[in-house]
Amino acid sequence: MSKKKKLVAPYLTIEEFNDYGILYTNVGEYSVVFRLHNPIKKYSSDASMYYEYNSFVENIVKTLGTGYCIQKHDIFSKEPFVAPNSSDFLQDSYFSYFQGREYTKHYVYLTLTQEMKKGRFQYDASLWKDFLVKVNKVRDLLITSSFDPKLLTREELTEYLHRYFCLSFSAKTFSLSNIYATEQSLWLDNRQVSVTSLVDIDEVDMPQEVSPCFSQELNGSIFTDDLFSFLSKVPSADIVIYNQSIIIPNQKVENMRLSKKSN
């Protein structure tokens, strides 16, 4: 019989500050989470918007500077369609036709973390002030770029983390369950959870330039789409979570470390 081990959350607590929640990790780092609206429509076929998004990410990296980590979470969840209430008869009849049909809903979250130096588990007033300033600057960038950002409150952040743990984003009620781990995957009751890296970390062989989108001919016209548009159509998957992370290290220190390692 396999040994049972209690799952310990990788964070200490969540507190409310300035009307939004701040998450403290076990190593003394703190994070905030934005809920975003994706301004790029799925069938817009506008290549310029994909390149504008790349420029936006570059601006965030420059704004934050050394010592920060950005994580973007794209969640594709299959859910039954719920028709919106309408006083218009034709509109109500139209949406009622799709009532209960399964569709894929897209959630977007952005996590901003100020990383701490190893072995430095102590409060630094200047770093804390810098973190709060950077949070507001990133929020302003998100607003001007039409992402309609919403900083999660303590209650919203707690619910988001719990839903993430039990992989349930559509149900009104949900509960945490036991996790059974095998060499290939995790099991949450009768649901299988697998993790796949889209980049070979053992051999990073990337081209110098990568386009954020691709174009193909569709019914006689050129259609432009996201490189990862397939994520919303993964077969036999109820939920797909696509995580992207950017860590901004001190380049001078990192170059010295890599130089020593190569020697």
Foldseek 3Di string as FASTA:
>chain_A
DDDDDDDDDQWDAWDFDPQFIWTAGPQGKIKWKKWWADPDDQQPLDQVLLVVVVVLVVVLPVLLAAQKKKKKKKKKAKDFDDQDDDPDPVSSVVSVVRGGPIAIDIIMMMMMMGHDDPPPNDDDPVVVVSVVVSVVVNVVSCVVSRGPIDIHHRVRVVVVVQCVQLVHDHDPDDDAADWDDDPAFIDRPPDTGGDDDPADPVDGDDDPDDRQWDWDADPNDIGIGGPVPCQNVDPPDRMDMDMDMDHRHDVVVVVVVVVVVVD
